[in-house]
Amino acid sequence: MFTVKTLRSVRFAVRPSGAQAYAIDPMTAAATRFPQFSASTYVTAAATPASTPAPSSTRAPPPTTPPQSGPKKPATSNPLTSEAVSGSNLGEGKGEGFYLEDDAATSFEGISAQPFPKEALDILNAPINPDDVEIKPDGMLYLPEIKYRRILNRAFGPGGWGVVPRGPHMITNRNVSREYALFCLGRFVSQARGEQDYFGSEDSLPTATEGCKSNALMRCCKDLGIAWELWDPVFIRSFKKEHCAQVWAVNVGNQGRKLVWKRKDRELDYPFKEEARK
């Protein structure tokens, strides 16, 4: 009877050869391409003698790449993740990266290991630009999702960060949600559940799932200090008093009249149109 061990997301098969067995290693090519893999990364297969020995064979086990000594270099990609990530483990020119040995779908590797480089922290914790802040009709302040991505790119470089799914989508009649984790320079930073409402048929689901991912990213960025002011009640009251106002508006779709918030220097977005003052 032959048994198979599994490690993380990689599986190896066992093929009999006489009274022994050897592991068929589908990661041999990956080991050649990514020599920084340690010997512990590979899966070993154990075998117990069968009741009836299999016919002997002269076939030799496939060659394996011996483990290399010395410090491991950060990988430019992680072939062990169950799903692709939108950033790599390496932030070129932004400090030393971490090689992610565990499955990114479950790993917390690198959390609170050390502060990020000072030049990255200065970008992440820079005061928010008032011109970038938007306000929803209900009065909630927010920073557009693309602004978070630009800040992360400036701090860690494109490819130096990524968001990884941490489970399946949860889909109801009007809402899509999913758990995501944020990694920067190969280190776990934060995890949050993103959500997005959708209306209509299933044709709108792809757009809703993308909005769900963006919402999770914005929530994860709180732990990096990006746009922290938007959660500070003192800043919120001060910003709304200086830059925003409540006006009566008409919904052009159903002609409903409603009191909404807007920036003093901008027009209302569809479907609202500000009422003309009498």
C-alpha atoms as a PDB file:
ATOM      1  CA  MET A   1       0.000   0.000   0.000  1.00  0.00           C
ATOM      2  CA  PHE A   2       1.417   3.319  -1.022  1.00  0.00           C
ATOM      3  CA  THR A   3       0.706   6.583   0.729  1.00  0.00           C
ATOM      4  CA  VAL A   4       1.075  10.157  -0.454  1.00  0.00           C
ATOM      5  CA  LYS A   5       1.973  13.177   1.639  1.00  0.00           C
ATOM      6  CA  THR A   6       0.868  16.637   0.584  1.00  0.00           C
ATOM      7  CA  LEU A   7       2.435  19.959   1.521  1.00  0.00           C
ATOM      8  CA  ARG A   8       0.618  23.276   1.051  1.00  0.00           C
ATOM      9  CA  SER A   9      -0.984  23.244  -2.416  1.00  0.00           C
ATOM     10  CA  VAL A  10       1.493  20.897  -4.146  1.00  0.00           C
ATOM     11  CA  ARG A  11       0.724  17.197  -4.681  1.00  0.00           C
ATOM     12  CA  PHE A  12       3.035  14.404  -5.741  1.00  0.00           C
ATOM     13  CA  ALA A  13       2.112  10.942  -7.013  1.00  0.00           C
ATOM     14  CA  VAL A  14       3.787   7.649  -6.148  1.00  0.00           C
ATOM     15  CA  ARG A  15       4.623   5.010  -8.757  1.00  0.00           C
ATOM     16  CA  PRO A  16       5.755   1.467  -7.785  1.00  0.00           C
ATOM     17  CA  SER A  17       9.133   0.207  -8.919  1.00  0.00           C
ATOM     18  CA  GLY A  18       9.934  -3.234  -7.582  1.00  0.00           C
ATOM     19  CA  ALA A  19       9.550  -3.295  -3.846  1.00  0.00           C
ATOM     20  CA  GLN A  20      10.180   0.444  -3.569  1.00  0.00           C
ATOM     21  CA  ALA A  21       8.521   3.612  -4.769  1.00  0.00           C
ATOM     22  CA  TYR A  22       9.720   7.024  -5.816  1.00  0.00           C
ATOM     23  CA  ALA A  23       8.010  10.415  -6.019  1.00  0.00           C
ATOM     24  CA  ILE A  24       7.057  11.748  -9.445  1.00  0.00           C
ATOM     25  CA  ASP A  25       8.059  15.360  -8.983  1.00  0.00           C
ATOM     26  CA  PRO A  26       6.072  17.790 -11.195  1.00  0.00           C
ATOM     27  CA  MET A  27       7.897  20.697  -9.533  1.00  0.00           C
ATOM     28  CA  THR A  28      11.309  19.667 -10.901  1.00  0.00           C
ATOM     29  CA  ALA A  29      10.984  22.232 -13.661  1.00  0.00           C
ATOM     30  CA  ALA A  30       9.937  24.862 -11.130  1.00  0.00           C
ATOM     31  CA  ALA A  31      12.910  23.978  -8.934  1.00  0.00           C
ATOM     32  CA  THR A  32      15.214  24.514 -11.880  1.00  0.00           C
ATOM     33  CA  ARG A  33      13.653  27.850 -12.640  1.00  0.00           C
ATOM     34  CA  PHE A  34      13.369  28.921  -9.005  1.00  0.00           C
ATOM     35  CA  PRO A  35      16.561  27.583  -7.351  1.00  0.00           C
ATOM     36  CA  GLN A  36      15.813  29.431  -4.128  1.00  0.00           C
ATOM     37  CA  PHE A  37      13.363  26.659  -3.128  1.00  0.00           C
ATOM     38  CA  SER A  38      14.645  24.844  -0.061  1.00  0.00           C
ATOM     39  CA  ALA A  39      14.634  21.103   0.340  1.00  0.00           C
ATOM     40  CA  SER A  40      11.733  21.424   2.801  1.00  0.00           C
ATOM     41  CA  THR A  41       9.566  22.840   0.031  1.00  0.00           C
ATOM     42  CA  TYR A  42       9.309  19.498  -1.695  1.00  0.00           C
ATOM     43  CA  VAL A  43       6.838  16.758  -0.859  1.00  0.00           C
ATOM     44  CA  THR A  44       8.156  13.358   0.105  1.00  0.00           C
ATOM     45  CA  ALA A  45       6.279  10.148  -0.565  1.00  0.00           C
ATOM     46  CA  ALA A  46       6.458   7.209   1.829  1.00  0.00           C
ATOM     47  CA  ALA A  47       5.740   3.635   0.831  1.00  0.00           C
ATOM     48  CA  THR A  48       4.955   0.465   2.725  1.00  0.00           C
ATOM     49  CA  PRO A  49       5.681  -2.983   1.268  1.00  0.00           C
ATOM     50  CA  ALA A  50       2.812  -4.390  -0.767  1.00  0.00           C
ATOM     51  CA  SER A  51       1.482  -7.889  -0.156  1.00  0.00           C
ATOM     52  CA  THR A  52       2.536  -8.926  -3.647  1.00  0.00           C
ATOM     53  CA  PRO A  53       5.737  -7.289  -4.917  1.00  0.00           C
ATOM     54  CA  ALA A  54       5.355  -5.545  -8.225  1.00  0.00           C
ATOM     55  CA  PRO A  55       7.476  -6.709 -11.146  1.00  0.00           C
ATOM     56  CA  SER A  56      10.952  -5.274 -11.049  1.00  0.00           C
ATOM     57  CA  SER A  57      11.821  -2.493 -13.421  1.00  0.00           C
ATOM     58  CA  THR A  58      15.070  -1.061 -14.598  1.00  0.00           C
ATOM     59  CA  ARG A  59      13.570   2.400 -14.927  1.00  0.00           C
ATOM     60  CA  ALA A  60      15.548   4.893 -12.861  1.00  0.00           C
ATOM     61  CA  PRO A  61      13.906   7.641 -10.797  1.00  0.00           C
ATOM     62  CA  PRO A  62      13.799  11.025 -12.505  1.00  0.00           C
ATOM     63  CA  PRO A  63      16.652  13.397 -11.655  1.00  0.00           C
ATOM     64  CA  THR A  64      16.110  15.899  -8.911  1.00  0.00           C
ATOM     65  CA  THR A  65      17.761  19.244  -8.332  1.00  0.00           C
ATOM     66  CA  PRO A  66      19.907  19.196  -5.161  1.00  0.00           C
ATOM     67  CA  PRO A  67      19.120  21.928  -2.636  1.00  0.00           C
ATOM     68  CA  GLN A  68      21.374  24.940  -2.833  1.00  0.00           C
ATOM     69  CA  SER A  69      23.167  26.357   0.147  1.00  0.00           C
ATOM     70  CA  GLY A  70      23.420  30.001   1.077  1.00  0.00           C
ATOM     71  CA  PRO A  71      20.788  32.692   1.649  1.00  0.00           C
ATOM     72  CA  LYS A  72      17.607  32.532  -0.392  1.00  0.00           C
ATOM     73  CA  LYS A  73      16.878  35.325  -2.788  1.00  0.00           C
ATOM     74  CA  PRO A  74      13.355  36.757  -3.005  1.00  0.00           C
ATOM     75  CA  ALA A  75      11.363  35.206  -5.812  1.00  0.00           C
ATOM     76  CA  THR A  76       9.824  37.348  -8.508  1.00  0.00           C
ATOM     77  CA  SER A  77       6.698  35.204  -8.445  1.00  0.00           C
ATOM     78  CA  ASN A  78       5.170  32.557  -6.230  1.00  0.00           C
ATOM     79  CA  PRO A  79       4.179  29.347  -8.064  1.00  0.00           C
ATOM     80  CA  LEU A  80       2.826  27.804  -4.854  1.00  0.00           C
ATOM     81  CA  THR A  81      -0.195  30.070  -4.494  1.00  0.00           C
ATOM     82  CA  SER A  82      -3.586  28.584  -5.261  1.00  0.00           C
ATOM     83  CA  GLU A  83      -4.596  31.702  -7.191  1.00  0.00           C
ATOM     84  CA  ALA A  84      -2.605  34.342  -8.999  1.00  0.00           C
ATOM     85  CA  VAL A  85      -1.815  37.551  -7.158  1.00  0.00           C
ATOM     86  CA  SER A  86      -1.724  40.995  -8.705  1.00  0.00           C
ATOM     87  CA  GLY A  87       1.695  41.829  -7.265  1.00  0.00           C
ATOM     88  CA  SER A  88       4.950  39.999  -6.663  1.00  0.00           C
ATOM     89  CA  ASN A  89       6.997  39.397  -3.501  1.00  0.00           C
ATOM     90  CA  LEU A  90       9.634  41.900  -4.453  1.00  0.00           C
ATOM     91  CA  GLY A  91       9.716  45.676  -4.239  1.00  0.00           C
ATOM     92  CA  GLU A  92      12.642  46.709  -6.394  1.00  0.00           C
ATOM     93  CA  GLY A  93      14.508  49.603  -4.859  1.00  0.00           C
ATOM     94  CA  LYS A  94      12.092  49.737  -1.915  1.00  0.00           C
ATOM     95  CA  GLY A  95      13.914  47.514   0.573  1.00  0.00           C
ATOM     96  CA  GLU A  96      14.471  43.805   1.088  1.00  0.00           C
ATOM     97  CA  GLY A  97      11.611  41.558   0.017  1.00  0.00           C
ATOM     98  CA  PHE A  98      10.360  38.388   1.710  1.00  0.00           C
ATOM     99  CA  TYR A  99      10.053  35.084  -0.108  1.00  0.00           C
ATOM    100  CA  LEU A 100       6.571  33.757   0.592  1.00  0.00           C
ATOM    101  CA  GLU A 101       7.027  30.056   1.371  1.00  0.00           C
ATOM    102  CA  ASP A 102       3.431  29.374   2.436  1.00  0.00           C
ATOM    103  CA  ASP A 103       0.291  29.361   0.360  1.00  0.00           C
ATOM    104  CA  ALA A 104      -0.754  32.999   0.012  1.00  0.00           C
ATOM    105  CA  ALA A 105      -4.405  31.982   0.341  1.00  0.00           C
ATOM    106  CA  THR A 106      -3.810  31.090   4.019  1.00  0.00           C
ATOM    107  CA  SER A 107      -0.456  32.611   4.998  1.00  0.00           C
ATOM    108  CA  PHE A 108       0.161  35.331   7.595  1.00  0.00           C
ATOM    109  CA  GLU A 109       3.910  35.268   6.978  1.00  0.00           C
ATOM    110  CA  GLY A 110       5.831  38.440   7.731  1.00  0.00           C
ATOM    111  CA  ILE A 111       3.087  40.143   9.740  1.00  0.00           C
ATOM    112  CA  SER A 112       4.586  42.736  12.123  1.00  0.00           C
ATOM    113  CA  ALA A 113       8.087  41.402  11.381  1.00  0.00           C
ATOM    114  CA  GLN A 114       9.550  44.894  11.012  1.00  0.00           C
ATOM    115  CA  PRO A 115       8.527  48.367   9.808  1.00  0.00           C
ATOM    116  CA  PHE A 116       8.613  49.082   6.112  1.00  0.00           C
ATOM    117  CA  PRO A 117      11.414  51.357   4.826  1.00  0.00           C
ATOM    118  CA  LYS A 118      11.140  54.990   5.881  1.00  0.00           C
ATOM    119  CA  GLU A 119      10.716  56.228   2.301  1.00  0.00           C
ATOM    120  CA  ALA A 120       7.678  53.946   1.944  1.00  0.00           C
ATOM    121  CA  LEU A 121       6.219  55.055   5.288  1.00  0.00           C
ATOM    122  CA  ASP A 122       6.524  58.714   4.304  1.00  0.00           C
ATOM    123  CA  ILE A 123       4.394  58.018   1.230  1.00  0.00           C
ATOM    124  CA  LEU A 124       1.834  55.866   3.041  1.00  0.00           C
ATOM    125  CA  ASN A 125       1.294  58.308   5.922  1.00  0.00           C
ATOM    126  CA  ALA A 126       1.431  61.545   3.923  1.00  0.00           C
ATOM    127  CA  PRO A 127      -1.468  63.950   4.610  1.00  0.00           C
ATOM    128  CA  ILE A 128      -4.409  63.430   2.321  1.00  0.00           C
ATOM    129  CA  ASN A 129      -4.868  65.825  -0.583  1.00  0.00           C
ATOM    130  CA  PRO A 130      -8.225  67.612  -0.102  1.00  0.00           C
ATOM    131  CA  ASP A 131      -8.752  67.675  -3.875  1.00  0.00           C
ATOM    132  CA  ASP A 132      -8.754  63.854  -3.926  1.00  0.00           C
ATOM    133  CA  VAL A 133     -11.561  63.468  -1.386  1.00  0.00           C
ATOM    134  CA  GLU A 134     -15.080  62.797  -2.668  1.00  0.00           C
ATOM    135  CA  ILE A 135     -18.404  62.790  -0.828  1.00  0.00           C
ATOM    136  CA  LYS A 136     -21.398  60.525  -1.374  1.00  0.00           C
ATOM    137  CA  PRO A 137     -24.958  61.887  -1.426  1.00  0.00           C
ATOM    138  CA  ASP A 138     -25.472  60.465   2.079  1.00  0.00           C
ATOM    139  CA  GLY A 139     -22.499  62.483   3.414  1.00  0.00           C
ATOM    140  CA  MET A 140     -19.829  59.764   3.587  1.00  0.00           C
ATOM    141  CA  LEU A 141     -16.323  60.913   2.626  1.00  0.00           C
ATOM    142  CA  TYR A 142     -14.167  58.558   0.583  1.00  0.00           C
ATOM    143  CA  LEU A 143     -11.047  58.335  -1.543  1.00  0.00           C
ATOM    144  CA  PRO A 144     -11.508  56.799  -5.015  1.00  0.00           C
ATOM    145  CA  GLU A 145     -10.081  53.309  -5.297  1.00  0.00           C
ATOM    146  CA  ILE A 146      -7.551  54.278  -7.964  1.00  0.00           C
ATOM    147  CA  LYS A 147      -5.936  56.716  -5.503  1.00  0.00           C
ATOM    148  CA  TYR A 148      -5.104  53.829  -3.143  1.00  0.00           C
ATOM    149  CA  ARG A 149      -3.451  51.905  -5.972  1.00  0.00           C
ATOM    150  CA  ARG A 150      -1.353  54.915  -6.939  1.00  0.00           C
ATOM    151  CA  ILE A 151      -0.183  55.375  -3.344  1.00  0.00           C
ATOM    152  CA  LEU A 152       0.773  51.693  -3.089  1.00  0.00           C
ATOM    153  CA  ASN A 153       2.643  51.902  -6.393  1.00  0.00           C
ATOM    154  CA  ARG A 154       4.610  54.925  -5.191  1.00  0.00           C
ATOM    155  CA  ALA A 155       5.432  53.285  -1.865  1.00  0.00           C
ATOM    156  CA  PHE A 156       6.324  49.747  -3.004  1.00  0.00           C
ATOM    157  CA  GLY A 157       6.583  49.932  -6.772  1.00  0.00           C
ATOM    158  CA  PRO A 158       4.316  48.205  -9.313  1.00  0.00           C
ATOM    159  CA  GLY A 159       4.551  44.485  -8.575  1.00  0.00           C
ATOM    160  CA  GLY A 160       5.642  45.089  -4.982  1.00  0.00           C
ATOM    161  CA  TRP A 161       2.163  44.550  -3.576  1.00  0.00           C
ATOM    162  CA  GLY A 162      -0.880  42.422  -4.298  1.00  0.00           C
ATOM    163  CA  VAL A 163      -4.306  41.339  -3.069  1.00  0.00           C
ATOM    164  CA  VAL A 164      -5.025  37.616  -2.709  1.00  0.00           C
ATOM    165  CA  PRO A 165      -8.474  35.952  -2.425  1.00  0.00           C
ATOM    166  CA  ARG A 166      -9.093  34.189   0.884  1.00  0.00           C
ATOM    167  CA  GLY A 167     -12.192  32.230  -0.010  1.00  0.00           C
ATOM    168  CA  PRO A 168     -15.048  32.017  -2.515  1.00  0.00           C
ATOM    169  CA  HIS A 169     -17.475  34.762  -3.464  1.00  0.00           C
ATOM    170  CA  MET A 170     -20.637  35.056  -1.368  1.00  0.00           C
ATOM    171  CA  ILE A 171     -23.455  36.023  -3.726  1.00  0.00           C
ATOM    172  CA  THR A 172     -26.970  37.015  -2.670  1.00  0.00           C
ATOM    173  CA  ASN A 173     -29.788  38.541  -4.679  1.00  0.00           C
ATOM    174  CA  ARG A 174     -28.307  42.039  -4.395  1.00  0.00           C
ATOM    175  CA  ASN A 175     -24.801  41.759  -2.978  1.00  0.00           C
ATOM    176  CA  VAL A 176     -21.423  40.156  -3.707  1.00  0.00           C
ATOM    177  CA  SER A 177     -18.715  39.804  -1.049  1.00  0.00           C
ATOM    178  CA  ARG A 178     -15.347  38.068  -0.714  1.00  0.00           C
ATOM    179  CA  GLU A 179     -12.417  37.982   1.689  1.00  0.00           C
ATOM    180  CA  TYR A 180      -9.076  39.358   0.444  1.00  0.00           C
ATOM    181  CA  ALA A 181      -5.609  39.760   1.973  1.00  0.00           C
ATOM    182  CA  LEU A 182      -3.122  42.510   1.160  1.00  0.00           C
ATOM    183  CA  PHE A 183       0.575  41.614   0.785  1.00  0.00           C
ATOM    184  CA  CYS A 184       3.374  44.174   0.430  1.00  0.00           C
ATOM    185  CA  LEU A 185       6.939  43.111  -0.378  1.00  0.00           C
ATOM    186  CA  GLY A 186       5.871  39.521   0.208  1.00  0.00           C
ATOM    187  CA  ARG A 187       4.566  40.223   3.736  1.00  0.00           C
ATOM    188  CA  PHE A 188       1.023  39.859   4.994  1.00  0.00           C
ATOM    189  CA  VAL A 189      -0.389  43.280   5.894  1.00  0.00           C
ATOM    190  CA  SER A 190      -4.130  43.040   6.395  1.00  0.00           C
ATOM    191  CA  GLN A 191      -7.289  41.109   5.559  1.00  0.00           C
ATOM    192  CA  ALA A 192     -10.806  42.409   4.918  1.00  0.00           C
ATOM    193  CA  ARG A 193     -14.079  41.405   3.307  1.00  0.00           C
ATOM    194  CA  GLY A 194     -15.020  43.504   0.310  1.00  0.00           C
ATOM    195  CA  GLU A 195     -18.587  43.923  -0.838  1.00  0.00           C
ATOM    196  CA  GLN A 196     -20.481  45.392  -3.749  1.00  0.00           C
ATOM    197  CA  ASP A 197     -24.196  45.760  -4.446  1.00  0.00           C
ATOM    198  CA  TYR A 198     -25.483  44.868  -7.883  1.00  0.00           C
ATOM    199  CA  PHE A 199     -28.821  45.087  -9.618  1.00  0.00           C
ATOM    200  CA  GLY A 200     -30.279  43.403 -12.653  1.00  0.00           C
ATOM    201  CA  SER A 201     -29.212  40.151 -14.266  1.00  0.00           C
ATOM    202  CA  GLU A 202     -26.110  38.013 -13.841  1.00  0.00           C
ATOM    203  CA  ASP A 203     -24.477  40.026 -16.613  1.00  0.00           C
ATOM    204  CA  SER A 204     -23.578  42.636 -13.989  1.00  0.00           C
ATOM    205  CA  LEU A 205     -21.751  40.132 -11.747  1.00  0.00           C
ATOM    206  CA  PRO A 206     -18.270  40.549 -13.324  1.00  0.00           C
ATOM    207  CA  THR A 207     -18.365  44.290 -12.639  1.00  0.00           C
ATOM    208  CA  ALA A 208     -19.684  43.652  -9.128  1.00  0.00           C
ATOM    209  CA  THR A 209     -16.899  41.182  -8.316  1.00  0.00           C
ATOM    210  CA  GLU A 210     -14.279  43.714  -9.435  1.00  0.00           C
ATOM    211  CA  GLY A 211     -15.909  46.337  -7.215  1.00  0.00           C
ATOM    212  CA  CYS A 212     -15.839  43.829  -4.355  1.00  0.00           C
ATOM    213  CA  LYS A 213     -12.066  43.424  -4.746  1.00  0.00           C
ATOM    214  CA  SER A 214     -11.531  47.196  -4.840  1.00  0.00           C
ATOM    215  CA  ASN A 215     -13.615  47.655  -1.700  1.00  0.00           C
ATOM    216  CA  ALA A 216     -11.528  45.060   0.154  1.00  0.00           C
ATOM    217  CA  LEU A 217      -8.325  46.797  -0.953  1.00  0.00           C
ATOM    218  CA  MET A 218      -9.481  50.139   0.448  1.00  0.00           C
ATOM    219  CA  ARG A 219     -10.344  48.527   3.777  1.00  0.00           C
ATOM    220  CA  CYS A 220      -6.982  46.741   3.983  1.00  0.00           C
ATOM    221  CA  CYS A 221      -5.138  49.995   3.337  1.00  0.00           C
ATOM    222  CA  LYS A 222      -6.351  51.386   6.675  1.00  0.00           C
ATOM    223  CA  ASP A 223      -3.724  49.242   8.409  1.00  0.00           C
ATOM    224  CA  LEU A 224      -1.017  50.981   6.365  1.00  0.00           C
ATOM    225  CA  GLY A 225      -2.258  54.409   7.423  1.00  0.00           C
ATOM    226  CA  ILE A 226      -3.402  55.432   3.925  1.00  0.00           C
ATOM    227  CA  ALA A 227      -6.054  58.165   4.097  1.00  0.00           C
ATOM    228  CA  TRP A 228      -6.424  57.645   7.856  1.00  0.00           C
ATOM    229  CA  GLU A 229      -8.129  61.040   8.114  1.00  0.00           C
ATOM    230  CA  LEU A 230     -11.290  59.633   6.535  1.00  0.00           C
ATOM    231  CA  TRP A 231     -11.923  57.645   9.741  1.00  0.00           C
ATOM    232  CA  ASP A 232     -11.166  60.586  12.064  1.00  0.00           C
ATOM    233  CA  PRO A 233     -14.414  62.295  13.231  1.00  0.00           C
ATOM    234  CA  VAL A 234     -12.613  65.603  13.842  1.00  0.00           C
ATOM    235  CA  PHE A 235     -11.280  65.691  10.266  1.00  0.00           C
ATOM    236  CA  ILE A 236     -14.630  64.632   8.824  1.00  0.00           C
ATOM    237  CA  ARG A 237     -16.548  67.425  10.533  1.00  0.00           C
ATOM    238  CA  SER A 238     -13.919  70.016   9.604  1.00  0.00           C
ATOM    239  CA  PHE A 239     -13.714  68.920   5.955  1.00  0.00           C
ATOM    240  CA  LYS A 240     -17.485  68.873   5.446  1.00  0.00           C
ATOM    241  CA  LYS A 241     -17.848  72.323   6.998  1.00  0.00           C
ATOM    242  CA  GLU A 242     -15.167  73.816   4.736  1.00  0.00           C
ATOM    243  CA  HIS A 243     -15.620  71.932   1.458  1.00  0.00           C
ATOM    244  CA  CYS A 244     -19.160  70.482   1.390  1.00  0.00           C
ATOM    245  CA  ALA A 245     -22.796  71.513   1.598  1.00  0.00           C
ATOM    246  CA  GLN A 246     -26.278  69.985   1.623  1.00  0.00           C
ATOM    247  CA  VAL A 247     -28.572  70.878  -1.265  1.00  0.00           C
ATOM    248  CA  TRP A 248     -31.971  69.858  -2.555  1.00  0.00           C
ATOM    249  CA  ALA A 249     -31.724  67.694  -5.651  1.00  0.00           C
ATOM    250  CA  VAL A 250     -34.055  65.940  -8.053  1.00  0.00           C
ATOM    251  CA  ASN A 251     -33.567  62.354  -9.171  1.00  0.00           C
ATOM    252  CA  VAL A 252     -33.807  62.552 -12.962  1.00  0.00           C
ATOM    253  CA  GLY A 253     -34.979  58.951 -13.121  1.00  0.00           C
ATOM    254  CA  ASN A 254     -38.047  59.048 -10.847  1.00  0.00           C
ATOM    255  CA  GLN A 255     -38.281  62.828 -10.294  1.00  0.00           C
ATOM    256  CA  GLY A 256     -37.955  62.323  -6.560  1.00  0.00           C
ATOM    257  CA  ARG A 257     -36.760  65.245  -4.467  1.00  0.00           C
ATOM    258  CA  LYS A 258     -34.059  64.657  -1.861  1.00  0.00           C
ATOM    259  CA  LEU A 259     -31.606  66.518   0.384  1.00  0.00           C
ATOM    260  CA  VAL A 260     -28.085  65.371  -0.549  1.00  0.00           C
ATOM    261  CA  TRP A 261     -24.451  66.241   0.137  1.00  0.00           C
ATOM    262  CA  LYS A 262     -22.072  67.620  -2.486  1.00  0.00           C
ATOM    263  CA  ARG A 263     -18.718  69.362  -2.701  1.00  0.00           C
ATOM    264  CA  LYS A 264     -19.074  73.118  -3.025  1.00  0.00           C
ATOM    265  CA  ASP A 265     -16.701  73.197  -5.994  1.00  0.00           C
ATOM    266  CA  ARG A 266     -18.310  70.301  -7.958  1.00  0.00           C
ATOM    267  CA  GLU A 267     -21.570  69.358  -9.585  1.00  0.00           C
ATOM    268  CA  LEU A 268     -23.777  66.492  -8.482  1.00  0.00           C
ATOM    269  CA  ASP A 269     -23.303  63.154 -10.209  1.00  0.00           C
ATOM    270  CA  TYR A 270     -26.033  61.263 -12.061  1.00  0.00           C
ATOM    271  CA  PRO A 271     -28.849  60.582 -11.272  1.00  0.00           C
ATOM    272  CA  PHE A 272     -29.134  63.725  -9.123  1.00  0.00           C
ATOM    273  CA  LYS A 273     -29.480  67.270 -10.395  1.00  0.00           C
ATOM    274  CA  GLU A 274     -29.377  70.242  -8.068  1.00  0.00           C
ATOM    275  CA  GLU A 275     -32.565  72.271  -7.891  1.00  0.00           C
ATOM    276  CA  ALA A 276     -32.354  75.806  -9.151  1.00  0.00           C
ATOM    277  CA  ARG A 277     -32.465  78.295  -6.311  1.00  0.00           C
ATOM    278  CA  LYS A 278     -35.505  80.559  -6.311  1.00  0.00           C
END
